[in-house]
Amino acid sequence: MHLDPLSLKLFVAVIESGSIAGAAERHHIAAAAVSKRMSELEATLRTPLLERTNKGVDATPAGTALLAHAHRLLRDMDEIFVEMRDWSGGVRGQVRVCANISAITQFLPREIAGFLERYPQVQVRLQERISSTIVKEVLDNEADIGIGIVEVAPEGLELYPYRSDELVLITPTHHPLAARDSIAFVDTLDFDYVGLHTGSAINLALARGSMEAAHPLRLRIQVTSYDALSRMVEAGLGIGLMPARVAAQYVTSLGIRAIALEDAWSRRELRLCVRSYDALTPSAKLLVDSLRDAYAAP
């Protein structure tokens, strides 16, 4: 049984456009040719994939299942083309990395720069994601390496230590809590908070801490970066949590204070996750080894 990539592309186009004519127009071929391809695809798979309605063309249940496979297969084929093109241009491999904002802000710039200095013909594609999304993208083979706050390895993932950090409370310099050297999280809950985006590890820590304290969290505003969080805090819109290394950069440039948290959960472990180290490409293994060496170094 042979599946033709062009037939799969046309099938996806038929479903997405809702008609044979729409798919034909998108790919600049005759509608009769598209119709013939669809009939041949159904014959090859021995099941109806399309049904005609008064509104156009819909997928049958089998067609819906094929659509998901087709998207994944066509994406993989595109990645093969990109990687082979890179090889032809002298790039020896590509590594897809997704990491949370804490890893990107604190550690990865210097570590990836050092890696690329040693291996200039490897291409690293880095994307920021929240930790829960990182796990999903690695499991779905949309990333080779994930870096984030992953406490337990789900089935199908391998975890490796990466780095540790510590969350601190940041406040405006004239805030009622600003004179404290350290504080328990529960003692901050009477004040408004500035949070990060929904699903981020820090927002989950805020929610979990307030739930354990049986005290509602007063989340006044949410932002998508540490820079924005610091500036909102400086403007008096609330207090916030961020890693101590990151906060140190803003304490010196903005009107904010960083205060140690007394809670054990404020000390966090960032981890590397991969589907299987042994199954990684040589370039991905090199990057994992480099990041783990950085963890092991004094």
Protein backbone atom coordinates (compact mmCIF):
# COMPACT_ATOMS: atom_id res chain seq x y z
CA MET A 1 0.00 0.00 0.00
CA HIS A 2 1.45 3.38 -1.01
CA LEU A 3 0.21 6.77 0.19
CA ASP A 4 1.02 9.63 -2.14
CA PRO A 5 2.03 12.84 -0.28
CA LEU A 6 0.30 14.95 -2.93
CA SER A 7 -2.96 13.05 -2.39
CA LEU A 8 -2.66 13.66 1.36
CA LYS A 9 -2.05 17.38 0.75
CA LEU A 10 -5.10 17.56 -1.48
CA PHE A 11 -7.17 15.62 1.07
CA VAL A 12 -6.21 18.12 3.80
CA ALA A 13 -7.04 20.99 1.45
CA VAL A 14 -10.47 19.49 0.62
CA ILE A 15 -11.35 19.20 4.31
CA GLU A 16 -10.00 22.64 5.21
CA SER A 17 -11.67 24.42 2.30
CA GLY A 18 -14.86 22.35 2.46
CA SER A 19 -14.94 21.55 -1.24
CA ILE A 20 -13.14 19.87 -4.13
CA ALA A 21 -13.14 23.18 -6.00
CA GLY A 22 -11.53 24.98 -3.07
CA ALA A 23 -8.72 22.44 -2.87
CA ALA A 24 -8.21 22.64 -6.64
CA GLU A 25 -7.94 26.41 -6.52
CA ARG A 26 -5.51 26.30 -3.58
CA HIS A 27 -3.15 23.91 -5.39
CA HIS A 28 -3.74 25.27 -8.91
CA ILE A 29 -4.91 22.02 -10.49
CA ALA A 30 -8.16 20.88 -12.12
CA ALA A 31 -11.06 19.94 -9.86
CA ALA A 32 -11.47 16.69 -11.79
CA ALA A 33 -7.89 15.75 -10.91
CA VAL A 34 -8.54 16.41 -7.22
CA SER A 35 -11.72 14.32 -7.34
CA LYS A 36 -9.82 11.45 -9.00
CA ARG A 37 -7.11 11.61 -6.33
CA MET A 38 -9.71 11.44 -3.56
CA SER A 39 -11.36 8.40 -5.14
CA GLU A 40 -7.98 6.68 -5.47
CA LEU A 41 -7.13 7.49 -1.84
CA GLU A 42 -10.41 5.98 -0.64
CA ALA A 43 -9.78 2.91 -2.79
CA THR A 44 -6.25 2.51 -1.41
CA LEU A 45 -7.46 2.77 2.21
CA ARG A 46 -10.64 0.79 1.46
CA THR A 47 -12.91 3.15 3.37
CA PRO A 48 -14.97 6.29 2.62
CA LEU A 49 -13.13 9.43 3.68
CA LEU A 50 -15.44 12.17 2.39
CA GLU A 51 -19.17 12.74 2.38
CA ARG A 52 -21.00 15.30 0.28
CA THR A 53 -23.48 17.61 2.02
CA ASN A 54 -25.56 20.56 0.86
CA LYS A 55 -22.83 22.78 2.33
CA GLY A 56 -19.93 21.09 0.57
CA VAL A 57 -17.65 18.23 1.65
CA ASP A 58 -17.13 16.90 5.18
CA ALA A 59 -14.84 14.20 6.55
CA THR A 60 -16.29 10.87 7.57
CA PRO A 61 -15.09 9.50 10.96
CA ALA A 62 -12.34 7.66 9.09
CA GLY A 63 -11.50 10.89 7.24
CA THR A 64 -11.23 12.78 10.53
CA ALA A 65 -8.77 10.17 11.82
CA LEU A 66 -6.77 10.37 8.58
CA LEU A 67 -6.67 14.17 8.80
CA ALA A 68 -4.73 14.07 12.07
CA HIS A 69 -2.25 11.54 10.64
CA ALA A 70 -1.92 13.54 7.44
CA HIS A 71 -1.09 16.77 9.31
CA ARG A 72 1.59 14.96 11.31
CA LEU A 73 3.04 13.14 8.30
CA LEU A 74 3.18 16.26 6.13
CA ARG A 75 4.80 18.23 8.96
CA ASP A 76 7.43 15.50 9.36
CA MET A 77 8.08 15.56 5.61
CA ASP A 78 8.54 19.33 5.72
CA GLU A 79 11.04 18.92 8.56
CA ILE A 80 12.94 16.29 6.55
CA PHE A 81 13.17 18.74 3.65
CA VAL A 82 14.37 21.56 5.93
CA GLU A 83 16.97 19.35 7.62
CA MET A 84 18.30 17.98 4.32
CA ARG A 85 18.44 21.51 2.94
CA ASP A 86 20.47 22.53 5.98
CA TRP A 87 22.86 19.64 5.44
CA SER A 88 23.35 20.72 1.84
CA GLY A 89 24.19 24.20 3.12
CA GLY A 90 26.76 22.92 5.61
CA VAL A 91 24.57 22.77 8.74
CA ARG A 92 25.05 19.36 10.32
CA GLY A 93 21.78 18.82 12.10
CA GLN A 94 19.06 20.80 13.76
CA VAL A 95 17.90 20.60 17.37
CA ARG A 96 14.42 21.74 18.44
CA VAL A 97 14.36 23.01 22.02
CA CYS A 98 11.42 24.37 24.00
CA ALA A 99 12.05 25.89 27.42
CA ASN A 100 10.26 27.93 30.02
CA ILE A 101 10.94 31.60 30.63
CA SER A 102 13.06 30.89 33.71
CA ALA A 103 15.53 28.69 31.81
CA ILE A 104 15.67 31.09 28.87
CA THR A 105 16.19 34.15 31.04
CA GLN A 106 18.72 32.72 33.48
CA PHE A 107 20.79 30.02 31.81
CA LEU A 108 20.26 29.18 28.16
CA PRO A 109 21.67 32.25 26.37
CA ARG A 110 25.20 31.67 27.61
CA GLU A 111 25.00 27.87 27.41
CA ILE A 112 23.63 27.77 23.87
CA ALA A 113 26.16 30.39 22.78
CA GLY A 114 28.95 28.23 24.17
CA PHE A 115 27.55 25.14 22.46
CA LEU A 116 27.27 26.86 19.07
CA GLU A 117 30.79 28.17 19.41
CA ARG A 118 31.97 24.55 19.67
CA TYR A 119 29.55 23.20 17.06
CA PRO A 120 28.85 26.06 14.61
CA GLN A 121 27.30 23.75 12.01
CA VAL A 122 24.46 22.69 14.32
CA GLN A 123 21.30 24.79 14.25
CA VAL A 124 19.36 25.25 17.50
CA ARG A 125 15.70 26.32 17.28
CA LEU A 126 14.63 27.60 20.70
CA GLN A 127 11.02 28.44 21.56
CA GLU A 128 9.54 29.64 24.85
CA ARG A 129 6.76 27.52 26.31
CA ILE A 130 5.13 26.99 29.70
CA SER A 131 6.24 23.81 31.46
CA SER A 132 3.02 21.82 30.85
CA THR A 133 3.21 22.59 27.13
CA ILE A 134 6.89 21.63 27.06
CA VAL A 135 6.04 18.10 28.21
CA LYS A 136 3.35 17.77 25.55
CA GLU A 137 5.56 19.04 22.73
CA VAL A 138 8.36 16.62 23.60
CA LEU A 139 5.90 13.72 23.84
CA ASP A 140 4.35 14.73 20.49
CA ASN A 141 7.78 14.96 18.83
CA GLU A 142 7.38 18.67 18.21
CA ALA A 143 10.56 19.28 20.22
CA ASP A 144 13.69 17.17 20.74
CA ILE A 145 14.56 18.64 24.14
CA GLY A 146 12.40 20.32 26.75
CA ILE A 147 13.56 22.34 29.75
CA GLY A 148 11.21 23.39 32.53
CA ILE A 149 9.70 22.65 35.93
CA VAL A 150 8.80 18.98 35.48
CA GLU A 151 8.46 17.24 38.84
CA VAL A 152 7.45 13.75 37.69
CA ALA A 153 8.28 12.14 34.37
CA PRO A 154 5.11 11.07 32.54
CA GLU A 155 5.21 7.78 30.69
CA GLY A 156 7.30 8.13 27.56
CA LEU A 157 9.73 10.77 28.88
CA GLU A 158 13.20 10.67 30.42
CA LEU A 159 14.15 13.41 32.91
CA TYR A 160 17.63 14.72 33.72
CA PRO A 161 18.72 17.37 36.26
CA TYR A 162 19.47 20.75 34.71
CA ARG A 163 19.59 23.73 37.07
CA SER A 164 18.04 24.99 40.28
CA ASP A 165 16.69 28.42 41.12
CA GLU A 166 14.90 30.17 43.96
CA LEU A 167 11.81 32.34 43.80
CA VAL A 168 11.77 35.65 45.65
CA LEU A 169 9.05 38.19 46.33
CA ILE A 170 9.43 41.53 44.57
CA THR A 171 7.70 44.69 45.81
CA PRO A 172 7.84 48.43 45.11
CA THR A 173 10.44 50.12 47.30
CA HIS A 174 7.77 51.90 49.37
CA HIS A 175 5.51 48.88 49.82
CA PRO A 176 4.51 47.84 53.39
CA LEU A 177 6.51 44.60 52.93
CA ALA A 178 9.59 46.22 51.42
CA ALA A 179 11.49 46.46 54.72
CA ARG A 180 11.40 42.69 55.29
CA ASP A 181 14.49 40.54 54.68
CA SER A 182 12.41 37.38 54.37
CA ILE A 183 8.75 36.48 54.47
CA ALA A 184 6.38 33.51 54.43
CA PHE A 185 4.16 33.39 51.37
CA VAL A 186 0.99 33.29 53.49
CA ASP A 187 1.89 36.72 54.90
CA THR A 188 1.78 38.23 51.38
CA LEU A 189 -1.74 37.15 50.47
CA ASP A 190 -3.49 40.29 51.72
CA PHE A 191 -1.88 42.22 48.85
CA ASP A 192 -2.57 42.35 45.10
CA TYR A 193 -0.34 40.23 42.88
CA VAL A 194 1.01 40.65 39.35
CA GLY A 195 1.21 37.19 37.76
CA LEU A 196 2.67 35.65 34.64
CA HIS A 197 0.61 34.04 31.88
CA THR A 198 -1.90 31.33 32.70
CA GLY A 199 -0.32 27.90 33.13
CA SER A 200 3.18 29.19 33.90
CA ALA A 201 5.06 27.43 36.71
CA ILE A 202 5.09 30.62 38.81
CA ASN A 203 1.33 31.13 38.45
CA LEU A 204 0.77 27.50 39.41
CA ALA A 205 3.00 28.01 42.46
CA LEU A 206 0.95 31.08 43.42
CA ALA A 207 -2.30 29.15 43.06
CA ARG A 208 -1.00 26.13 44.97
CA GLY A 209 0.43 28.28 47.79
CA SER A 210 -2.81 30.24 48.22
CA MET A 211 -4.83 27.01 48.22
CA GLU A 212 -2.61 25.47 50.90
CA ALA A 213 -2.98 28.65 52.96
CA ALA A 214 -6.77 28.58 52.44
CA HIS A 215 -6.54 32.24 51.44
CA PRO A 216 -7.75 33.61 48.07
CA LEU A 217 -5.12 34.93 45.70
CA ARG A 218 -5.65 38.54 44.64
CA LEU A 219 -4.31 38.29 41.09
CA ARG A 220 -4.79 41.80 39.73
CA ILE A 221 -3.04 41.56 36.38
CA GLN A 222 -1.10 39.02 34.28
CA VAL A 223 1.84 39.66 31.95
CA THR A 224 4.04 37.50 29.72
CA SER A 225 7.60 38.44 30.70
CA TYR A 226 9.73 39.17 33.74
CA ASP A 227 10.48 42.62 32.40
CA ALA A 228 6.77 43.48 32.23
CA LEU A 229 6.20 41.93 35.67
CA SER A 230 8.96 44.08 37.21
CA ARG A 231 7.64 47.26 35.63
CA MET A 232 4.08 46.57 36.80
CA VAL A 233 5.38 46.02 40.33
CA GLU A 234 7.46 49.19 40.15
CA ALA A 235 4.30 51.08 39.10
CA GLY A 236 2.54 49.87 42.24
CA LEU A 237 0.07 47.51 40.56
CA GLY A 238 0.94 44.64 42.88
CA ILE A 239 3.71 42.38 44.15
CA GLY A 240 5.10 39.35 42.32
CA LEU A 241 7.34 36.30 42.31
CA MET A 242 10.34 35.69 40.10
CA PRO A 243 13.69 33.85 40.27
CA ALA A 244 16.29 35.56 42.45
CA ARG A 245 18.85 35.77 39.61
CA VAL A 246 16.36 37.57 37.42
CA ALA A 247 15.17 39.87 40.19
CA ALA A 248 18.75 40.97 40.86
CA GLN A 249 18.90 42.53 37.39
CA TYR A 250 15.83 44.69 38.06
CA VAL A 251 16.56 45.64 41.66
CA THR A 252 19.52 47.70 40.46
CA SER A 253 17.68 49.36 37.56
CA LEU A 254 14.09 49.77 38.84
CA GLY A 255 12.46 50.88 42.05
CA ILE A 256 11.78 47.41 43.42
CA ARG A 257 12.91 45.22 46.33
CA ALA A 258 13.61 41.47 46.33
CA ILE A 259 12.67 39.60 49.51
CA ALA A 260 13.54 35.97 50.28
CA LEU A 261 10.66 33.53 50.63
CA GLU A 262 10.71 31.20 53.63
CA ASP A 263 8.65 28.49 51.95
CA ALA A 264 10.42 25.31 50.81
CA TRP A 265 8.58 25.30 47.47
CA SER A 266 10.30 28.54 46.49
CA ARG A 267 13.43 26.46 45.73
CA ARG A 268 12.85 24.79 42.37
CA GLU A 269 14.53 22.22 40.14
CA LEU A 270 14.56 22.72 36.38
CA ARG A 271 14.91 19.53 34.38
CA LEU A 272 15.74 18.41 30.87
CA CYS A 273 13.23 16.07 29.26
CA VAL A 274 13.56 13.94 26.13
CA ARG A 275 11.60 11.01 24.76
CA SER A 276 14.68 8.80 24.64
CA TYR A 277 18.30 9.88 24.88
CA ASP A 278 19.42 6.85 22.85
CA ALA A 279 17.00 7.75 20.04
CA LEU A 280 18.13 11.39 19.74
CA THR A 281 19.98 12.59 16.68
CA PRO A 282 23.75 13.02 17.16
CA SER A 283 23.40 16.82 17.27
CA ALA A 284 20.62 16.63 19.90
CA LYS A 285 22.74 14.27 22.01
CA LEU A 286 25.61 16.76 21.81
CA LEU A 287 23.37 19.54 23.13
CA VAL A 288 21.94 17.39 25.94
CA ASP A 289 25.48 16.40 26.95
CA SER A 290 26.58 20.04 26.86
CA LEU A 291 23.67 21.19 29.05
CA ARG A 292 24.22 18.35 31.52
CA ASP A 293 27.93 19.18 31.69
CA ALA A 294 26.98 22.76 32.59
CA TYR A 295 24.82 21.37 35.41
CA ALA A 296 27.69 19.22 36.70
CA ALA A 297 30.26 22.04 36.56
CA PRO A 298 30.98 23.96 39.79
